[in-house]
Amino acid sequence: MNRAAGLLAAALLLAWPAPARKPAPGDGPAESRGALLRMDTVSHDFGDVPRRGGDLVWEFGYRNEGDVPLVLTRVVTSCTCLKTDYSRRPVEPGGRGTIRVIYEPHKNEPGAFSKVIQVYSNSADGRHVLSVRGNSIENNEL
């Protein structure tokens, strides 16, 4: 091929539109993962506590590791001796929140206790289970 023909061929290649290609995985915007609830801890041990010494309080911290707002829809306890308090406001991606758990030892008999808290949300990985435990002792035994 002579030099003029080579230059013409190169010019045509540059001017001609490239064929469309399929996007490869990882090209373009990432697919949404949804909300992802990540608990700092899933259990707490109160240890030995006086049965009539007042309510016990623990806060479970969590964060949203997803890419859409996280909403706690329901928190269910295994006993009327447990109460919970949490924000119903959405937690933005990267944001943090807490679930406050209040255990009332005077509502149960003395001895070891283990209680469960179920956390329902729009998290992509479903329901989360938390627990609190300890040993309730009559005040005269301390």
N, C-alpha and C. Protein backbone atom coordinates (compact mmCIF):
# COMPACT_ATOMS: atom_id res chain seq x y z
N MET A 1 0.86 -1.15 0.00
CA MET A 1 0.00 0.00 0.00
C MET A 1 0.91 1.23 0.00
N ASN A 2 0.54 2.20 -0.84
CA ASN A 2 1.37 3.40 -0.87
C ASN A 2 1.00 4.32 0.29
N ARG A 3 1.80 5.33 0.48
CA ARG A 3 1.63 6.24 1.61
C ARG A 3 0.28 6.95 1.57
N ALA A 4 -0.19 7.42 0.42
CA ALA A 4 -1.46 8.14 0.30
C ALA A 4 -2.62 7.22 0.66
N ALA A 5 -2.58 5.99 0.23
CA ALA A 5 -3.65 5.05 0.53
C ALA A 5 -3.67 4.75 2.04
N GLY A 6 -2.50 4.64 2.64
CA GLY A 6 -2.43 4.40 4.09
C GLY A 6 -3.00 5.55 4.90
N LEU A 7 -2.70 6.78 4.45
CA LEU A 7 -3.25 7.95 5.15
C LEU A 7 -4.76 8.03 4.98
N LEU A 8 -5.25 7.69 3.79
CA LEU A 8 -6.69 7.70 3.56
C LEU A 8 -7.38 6.65 4.43
N ALA A 9 -6.82 5.48 4.54
CA ALA A 9 -7.39 4.42 5.37
C ALA A 9 -7.41 4.84 6.84
N ALA A 10 -6.35 5.48 7.30
CA ALA A 10 -6.30 5.95 8.70
C ALA A 10 -7.34 7.02 8.95
N ALA A 11 -7.53 7.93 7.99
CA ALA A 11 -8.51 9.00 8.14
C ALA A 11 -9.92 8.43 8.18
N LEU A 12 -10.19 7.44 7.34
CA LEU A 12 -11.51 6.81 7.34
C LEU A 12 -11.79 6.10 8.66
N LEU A 13 -10.81 5.43 9.21
CA LEU A 13 -10.98 4.75 10.50
C LEU A 13 -11.28 5.74 11.63
N LEU A 14 -10.61 6.89 11.60
CA LEU A 14 -10.83 7.89 12.64
C LEU A 14 -12.20 8.54 12.50
N ALA A 15 -12.68 8.70 11.27
CA ALA A 15 -13.96 9.38 11.04
C ALA A 15 -15.15 8.43 11.22
N TRP A 16 -14.92 7.16 11.04
CA TRP A 16 -16.02 6.19 11.13
C TRP A 16 -16.41 5.96 12.59
N PRO A 17 -17.72 5.94 12.92
CA PRO A 17 -18.11 5.72 14.32
C PRO A 17 -17.76 4.30 14.78
N ALA A 18 -17.30 4.22 16.01
CA ALA A 18 -16.97 2.92 16.58
C ALA A 18 -18.25 2.14 16.85
N PRO A 19 -18.21 0.82 16.71
CA PRO A 19 -19.41 0.04 17.03
C PRO A 19 -19.74 0.15 18.52
N ALA A 20 -21.03 0.15 18.79
CA ALA A 20 -21.46 0.24 20.19
C ALA A 20 -21.07 -1.04 20.91
N ARG A 21 -20.62 -0.89 22.14
CA ARG A 21 -20.28 -2.08 22.92
C ARG A 21 -21.20 -2.17 24.11
N LYS A 22 -21.37 -3.37 24.56
CA LYS A 22 -22.19 -3.58 25.76
C LYS A 22 -21.43 -3.08 26.97
N PRO A 23 -22.15 -2.45 27.93
CA PRO A 23 -21.45 -2.01 29.14
C PRO A 23 -20.95 -3.22 29.93
N ALA A 24 -19.75 -3.12 30.41
CA ALA A 24 -19.17 -4.19 31.23
C ALA A 24 -19.64 -4.02 32.66
N PRO A 25 -19.68 -5.12 33.44
CA PRO A 25 -20.02 -4.98 34.86
C PRO A 25 -19.06 -3.99 35.52
N GLY A 26 -19.61 -3.09 36.30
CA GLY A 26 -18.80 -2.08 36.97
C GLY A 26 -18.76 -0.78 36.20
N ASP A 27 -19.19 -0.78 34.90
CA ASP A 27 -19.28 0.46 34.14
C ASP A 27 -20.51 1.24 34.59
N GLY A 28 -20.45 2.53 34.51
CA GLY A 28 -21.62 3.36 34.77
C GLY A 28 -22.00 3.37 36.25
N PRO A 29 -23.23 3.85 36.53
CA PRO A 29 -23.65 3.95 37.92
C PRO A 29 -23.83 2.57 38.55
N ALA A 30 -23.42 2.47 39.81
CA ALA A 30 -23.54 1.21 40.54
C ALA A 30 -25.00 0.94 40.85
N GLU A 31 -25.36 -0.34 40.89
CA GLU A 31 -26.72 -0.70 41.26
C GLU A 31 -26.90 -0.44 42.74
N SER A 32 -28.09 -0.05 43.13
CA SER A 32 -28.39 0.23 44.53
C SER A 32 -28.33 -1.06 45.34
N ARG A 33 -27.69 -1.00 46.50
CA ARG A 33 -27.65 -2.13 47.42
C ARG A 33 -28.80 -2.06 48.41
N GLY A 34 -29.43 -0.89 48.52
CA GLY A 34 -30.49 -0.69 49.49
C GLY A 34 -29.92 -0.25 50.82
N ALA A 35 -30.77 -0.26 51.83
CA ALA A 35 -30.35 0.07 53.20
C ALA A 35 -29.68 -1.16 53.81
N LEU A 36 -28.63 -0.95 54.61
CA LEU A 36 -27.94 -2.05 55.28
C LEU A 36 -27.72 -1.70 56.75
N LEU A 37 -28.46 -2.35 57.63
CA LEU A 37 -28.34 -2.13 59.07
C LEU A 37 -27.16 -2.93 59.61
N ARG A 38 -26.24 -2.25 60.28
CA ARG A 38 -25.09 -2.89 60.92
C ARG A 38 -25.07 -2.49 62.38
N MET A 39 -25.24 -3.47 63.26
CA MET A 39 -25.23 -3.23 64.70
C MET A 39 -23.80 -3.17 65.20
N ASP A 40 -23.54 -2.27 66.17
CA ASP A 40 -22.22 -2.21 66.81
C ASP A 40 -21.99 -3.46 67.65
N THR A 41 -23.01 -3.86 68.40
CA THR A 41 -23.00 -5.10 69.18
C THR A 41 -24.40 -5.70 69.11
N VAL A 42 -24.51 -7.00 69.36
CA VAL A 42 -25.83 -7.63 69.33
C VAL A 42 -26.25 -8.20 70.67
N SER A 43 -25.39 -8.07 71.69
CA SER A 43 -25.77 -8.56 73.02
C SER A 43 -25.11 -7.71 74.10
N HIS A 44 -25.73 -7.75 75.28
CA HIS A 44 -25.17 -7.05 76.43
C HIS A 44 -25.46 -7.85 77.69
N ASP A 45 -24.46 -7.95 78.56
CA ASP A 45 -24.60 -8.65 79.84
C ASP A 45 -24.57 -7.61 80.96
N PHE A 46 -25.68 -7.49 81.68
CA PHE A 46 -25.76 -6.55 82.80
C PHE A 46 -25.03 -7.07 84.04
N GLY A 47 -24.72 -8.38 84.07
CA GLY A 47 -24.07 -8.97 85.22
C GLY A 47 -25.06 -9.16 86.38
N ASP A 48 -24.54 -9.18 87.61
CA ASP A 48 -25.40 -9.29 88.79
C ASP A 48 -26.03 -7.93 89.09
N VAL A 49 -27.36 -7.92 89.22
CA VAL A 49 -28.08 -6.66 89.46
C VAL A 49 -29.10 -6.87 90.58
N PRO A 50 -29.34 -5.82 91.39
CA PRO A 50 -30.37 -5.95 92.42
C PRO A 50 -31.76 -5.98 91.78
N ARG A 51 -32.58 -6.91 92.23
CA ARG A 51 -33.93 -7.05 91.67
C ARG A 51 -34.77 -5.81 91.89
N ARG A 52 -34.60 -5.15 93.00
CA ARG A 52 -35.38 -3.94 93.30
C ARG A 52 -34.51 -2.68 93.27
N GLY A 53 -33.51 -2.69 92.41
CA GLY A 53 -32.59 -1.56 92.34
C GLY A 53 -32.90 -0.55 91.26
N GLY A 54 -34.01 -0.73 90.57
CA GLY A 54 -34.36 0.20 89.50
C GLY A 54 -34.13 -0.39 88.13
N ASP A 55 -34.56 0.34 87.14
CA ASP A 55 -34.47 -0.11 85.75
C ASP A 55 -33.03 -0.11 85.26
N LEU A 56 -32.75 -1.03 84.35
CA LEU A 56 -31.44 -1.13 83.71
C LEU A 56 -31.57 -0.64 82.27
N VAL A 57 -30.63 0.15 81.84
CA VAL A 57 -30.70 0.74 80.50
C VAL A 57 -29.43 0.42 79.72
N TRP A 58 -29.61 0.07 78.46
CA TRP A 58 -28.49 -0.15 77.54
C TRP A 58 -28.88 0.39 76.18
N GLU A 59 -27.94 1.00 75.48
CA GLU A 59 -28.20 1.50 74.13
C GLU A 59 -27.37 0.71 73.12
N PHE A 60 -28.05 0.11 72.16
CA PHE A 60 -27.41 -0.59 71.06
C PHE A 60 -27.22 0.42 69.93
N GLY A 61 -25.99 0.66 69.54
CA GLY A 61 -25.71 1.56 68.43
C GLY A 61 -25.76 0.82 67.11
N TYR A 62 -26.15 1.53 66.07
CA TYR A 62 -26.15 0.95 64.73
C TYR A 62 -25.83 2.02 63.70
N ARG A 63 -25.53 1.57 62.48
CA ARG A 63 -25.24 2.48 61.38
C ARG A 63 -25.87 1.94 60.10
N ASN A 64 -26.06 2.84 59.15
CA ASN A 64 -26.59 2.46 57.84
C ASN A 64 -25.42 2.39 56.86
N GLU A 65 -25.03 1.19 56.47
CA GLU A 65 -23.94 1.00 55.52
C GLU A 65 -24.46 0.86 54.09
N GLY A 66 -25.74 1.14 53.89
CA GLY A 66 -26.32 1.04 52.56
C GLY A 66 -26.23 2.35 51.80
N ASP A 67 -26.96 2.40 50.69
CA ASP A 67 -26.93 3.60 49.86
C ASP A 67 -28.30 4.26 49.72
N VAL A 68 -29.26 3.83 50.53
CA VAL A 68 -30.56 4.50 50.63
C VAL A 68 -30.89 4.64 52.12
N PRO A 69 -31.81 5.54 52.49
CA PRO A 69 -32.14 5.71 53.91
C PRO A 69 -32.66 4.42 54.55
N LEU A 70 -32.25 4.21 55.80
CA LEU A 70 -32.66 3.06 56.60
C LEU A 70 -33.80 3.48 57.52
N VAL A 71 -34.86 2.66 57.58
CA VAL A 71 -35.99 2.95 58.46
C VAL A 71 -36.25 1.73 59.34
N LEU A 72 -36.19 1.92 60.67
CA LEU A 72 -36.60 0.86 61.58
C LEU A 72 -38.13 0.87 61.60
N THR A 73 -38.74 -0.24 61.21
CA THR A 73 -40.19 -0.28 61.12
C THR A 73 -40.85 -0.80 62.39
N ARG A 74 -40.13 -1.67 63.11
CA ARG A 74 -40.71 -2.26 64.31
C ARG A 74 -39.61 -2.88 65.15
N VAL A 75 -39.73 -2.75 66.48
CA VAL A 75 -38.82 -3.40 67.41
C VAL A 75 -39.68 -4.15 68.42
N VAL A 76 -39.51 -5.47 68.48
CA VAL A 76 -40.36 -6.34 69.29
C VAL A 76 -39.53 -6.98 70.40
N THR A 77 -40.06 -6.94 71.64
CA THR A 77 -39.36 -7.54 72.78
C THR A 77 -40.01 -8.86 73.17
N SER A 78 -39.24 -9.70 73.86
CA SER A 78 -39.73 -11.03 74.25
C SER A 78 -40.46 -11.02 75.58
N CYS A 79 -40.58 -9.86 76.21
CA CYS A 79 -41.14 -9.81 77.56
C CYS A 79 -41.70 -8.42 77.85
N THR A 80 -42.74 -8.35 78.68
CA THR A 80 -43.27 -7.04 79.07
C THR A 80 -42.32 -6.32 80.03
N CYS A 81 -41.29 -7.02 80.48
CA CYS A 81 -40.28 -6.42 81.36
C CYS A 81 -39.26 -5.60 80.58
N LEU A 82 -39.34 -5.64 79.25
CA LEU A 82 -38.45 -4.87 78.37
C LEU A 82 -39.23 -3.79 77.64
N LYS A 83 -38.64 -2.63 77.57
CA LYS A 83 -39.19 -1.54 76.78
C LYS A 83 -38.09 -1.05 75.85
N THR A 84 -38.48 -0.52 74.71
CA THR A 84 -37.48 0.02 73.77
C THR A 84 -37.88 1.43 73.35
N ASP A 85 -36.88 2.17 72.96
CA ASP A 85 -37.08 3.51 72.43
C ASP A 85 -36.10 3.69 71.28
N TYR A 86 -36.61 4.12 70.13
CA TYR A 86 -35.77 4.32 68.96
C TYR A 86 -36.44 5.35 68.06
N SER A 87 -35.63 5.96 67.21
CA SER A 87 -36.14 6.98 66.31
C SER A 87 -36.85 6.33 65.12
N ARG A 88 -37.98 6.90 64.76
CA ARG A 88 -38.71 6.43 63.57
C ARG A 88 -38.26 7.19 62.32
N ARG A 89 -37.36 8.15 62.49
CA ARG A 89 -36.86 8.93 61.35
C ARG A 89 -35.86 8.10 60.54
N PRO A 90 -35.84 8.28 59.23
CA PRO A 90 -34.86 7.55 58.41
C PRO A 90 -33.43 7.94 58.77
N VAL A 91 -32.54 6.96 58.71
CA VAL A 91 -31.11 7.17 58.93
C VAL A 91 -30.46 7.17 57.55
N GLU A 92 -29.86 8.29 57.20
CA GLU A 92 -29.25 8.44 55.88
C GLU A 92 -28.04 7.50 55.73
N PRO A 93 -27.65 7.17 54.50
CA PRO A 93 -26.46 6.34 54.29
C PRO A 93 -25.26 6.94 55.03
N GLY A 94 -24.56 6.09 55.78
CA GLY A 94 -23.43 6.53 56.59
C GLY A 94 -23.83 7.08 57.94
N GLY A 95 -25.12 7.25 58.18
CA GLY A 95 -25.61 7.80 59.45
C GLY A 95 -25.68 6.75 60.54
N ARG A 96 -25.90 7.22 61.77
CA ARG A 96 -25.95 6.36 62.96
C ARG A 96 -27.24 6.56 63.72
N GLY A 97 -27.59 5.57 64.53
CA GLY A 97 -28.75 5.64 65.40
C GLY A 97 -28.55 4.73 66.60
N THR A 98 -29.51 4.77 67.53
CA THR A 98 -29.46 3.90 68.71
C THR A 98 -30.83 3.32 68.99
N ILE A 99 -30.81 2.14 69.58
CA ILE A 99 -32.01 1.50 70.11
C ILE A 99 -31.79 1.40 71.60
N ARG A 100 -32.59 2.13 72.36
CA ARG A 100 -32.47 2.12 73.81
C ARG A 100 -33.36 1.02 74.38
N VAL A 101 -32.77 0.17 75.22
CA VAL A 101 -33.48 -0.94 75.84
C VAL A 101 -33.52 -0.71 77.35
N ILE A 102 -34.72 -0.83 77.93
CA ILE A 102 -34.91 -0.66 79.37
C ILE A 102 -35.45 -1.98 79.93
N TYR A 103 -34.69 -2.59 80.84
CA TYR A 103 -35.11 -3.83 81.49
C TYR A 103 -35.55 -3.51 82.91
N GLU A 104 -36.71 -4.03 83.29
CA GLU A 104 -37.27 -3.81 84.62
C GLU A 104 -37.18 -5.11 85.43
N PRO A 105 -36.10 -5.29 86.20
CA PRO A 105 -35.88 -6.57 86.89
C PRO A 105 -36.95 -6.89 87.94
N HIS A 106 -37.60 -5.87 88.50
CA HIS A 106 -38.60 -6.14 89.53
C HIS A 106 -39.84 -6.84 88.98
N LYS A 107 -39.99 -6.91 87.66
CA LYS A 107 -41.14 -7.57 87.06
C LYS A 107 -40.94 -9.08 86.88
N ASN A 108 -39.76 -9.58 87.23
CA ASN A 108 -39.47 -11.01 87.11
C ASN A 108 -38.98 -11.57 88.43
N GLU A 109 -38.98 -12.88 88.50
CA GLU A 109 -38.44 -13.58 89.68
C GLU A 109 -36.93 -13.40 89.69
N PRO A 110 -36.30 -13.53 90.88
CA PRO A 110 -34.84 -13.45 90.93
C PRO A 110 -34.21 -14.60 90.14
N GLY A 111 -32.98 -14.37 89.72
CA GLY A 111 -32.25 -15.40 89.00
C GLY A 111 -31.77 -14.89 87.65
N ALA A 112 -31.18 -15.81 86.91
CA ALA A 112 -30.63 -15.46 85.60
C ALA A 112 -31.76 -15.09 84.64
N PHE A 113 -31.48 -14.11 83.79
CA PHE A 113 -32.44 -13.73 82.76
C PHE A 113 -31.73 -13.56 81.42
N SER A 114 -32.45 -13.83 80.38
CA SER A 114 -31.96 -13.64 79.01
C SER A 114 -33.16 -13.23 78.17
N LYS A 115 -33.12 -12.06 77.59
CA LYS A 115 -34.25 -11.50 76.85
C LYS A 115 -33.82 -11.16 75.42
N VAL A 116 -34.76 -11.23 74.50
CA VAL A 116 -34.49 -11.04 73.08
C VAL A 116 -35.25 -9.83 72.55
N ILE A 117 -34.61 -9.09 71.66
CA ILE A 117 -35.22 -7.95 70.99
C ILE A 117 -35.06 -8.19 69.49
N GLN A 118 -36.17 -8.16 68.75
CA GLN A 118 -36.13 -8.34 67.30
C GLN A 118 -36.30 -6.98 66.63
N VAL A 119 -35.40 -6.69 65.68
CA VAL A 119 -35.40 -5.39 65.00
C VAL A 119 -35.79 -5.62 63.53
N TYR A 120 -36.90 -5.01 63.13
CA TYR A 120 -37.37 -5.08 61.75
C TYR A 120 -37.13 -3.73 61.08
N SER A 121 -36.66 -3.79 59.83
CA SER A 121 -36.36 -2.56 59.10
C SER A 121 -36.43 -2.84 57.61
N ASN A 122 -36.10 -1.83 56.83
CA ASN A 122 -36.02 -2.03 55.38
C ASN A 122 -34.61 -2.46 54.95
N SER A 123 -33.82 -2.97 55.88
CA SER A 123 -32.46 -3.41 55.58
C SER A 123 -32.49 -4.59 54.61
N ALA A 124 -31.58 -4.59 53.67
CA ALA A 124 -31.50 -5.65 52.67
C ALA A 124 -31.23 -7.02 53.29
N ASP A 125 -30.62 -7.06 54.47
CA ASP A 125 -30.32 -8.35 55.09
C ASP A 125 -31.34 -8.79 56.12
N GLY A 126 -32.51 -8.16 56.17
CA GLY A 126 -33.63 -8.65 56.97
C GLY A 126 -33.59 -8.30 58.44
N ARG A 127 -34.23 -9.15 59.23
CA ARG A 127 -34.41 -8.95 60.67
C ARG A 127 -33.11 -9.15 61.42
N HIS A 128 -32.93 -8.37 62.49
CA HIS A 128 -31.77 -8.51 63.37
C HIS A 128 -32.27 -8.88 64.77
N VAL A 129 -31.50 -9.70 65.48
CA VAL A 129 -31.88 -10.13 66.83
C VAL A 129 -30.81 -9.66 67.80
N LEU A 130 -31.27 -8.98 68.86
CA LEU A 130 -30.40 -8.49 69.93
C LEU A 130 -30.77 -9.23 71.20
N SER A 131 -29.87 -9.21 72.19
CA SER A 131 -30.20 -9.85 73.46
C SER A 131 -29.56 -9.10 74.63
N VAL A 132 -30.24 -9.19 75.76
CA VAL A 132 -29.69 -8.70 77.03
C VAL A 132 -29.82 -9.84 78.03
N ARG A 133 -28.86 -9.92 78.94
CA ARG A 133 -28.90 -10.98 79.96
C ARG A 133 -28.28 -10.45 81.24
N GLY A 134 -28.41 -11.24 82.27
CA GLY A 134 -27.85 -10.88 83.56
C GLY A 134 -28.37 -11.81 84.63
N ASN A 135 -28.15 -11.41 85.87
CA ASN A 135 -28.59 -12.21 87.02
C ASN A 135 -29.20 -11.26 88.04
N SER A 136 -30.50 -11.40 88.23
CA SER A 136 -31.24 -10.56 89.17
C SER A 136 -31.17 -11.19 90.56
N ILE A 137 -30.71 -10.40 91.52
CA ILE A 137 -30.51 -10.90 92.89
C ILE A 137 -31.38 -10.11 93.85
N GLU A 138 -32.00 -10.81 94.80
CA GLU A 138 -32.77 -10.12 95.84
C GLU A 138 -31.85 -9.18 96.59
N ASN A 139 -32.34 -8.04 96.98
CA ASN A 139 -31.51 -7.02 97.62
C ASN A 139 -30.84 -7.52 98.89
N ASN A 140 -31.48 -8.40 99.64
CA ASN A 140 -30.88 -8.89 100.90
C ASN A 140 -29.75 -9.89 100.63
N GLU A 141 -29.60 -10.36 99.39
CA GLU A 141 -28.52 -11.30 99.05
C GLU A 141 -27.25 -10.57 98.62
N LEU A 142 -27.31 -9.28 98.40
CA LEU A 142 -26.13 -8.54 97.92
C LEU A 142 -25.15 -8.25 99.02
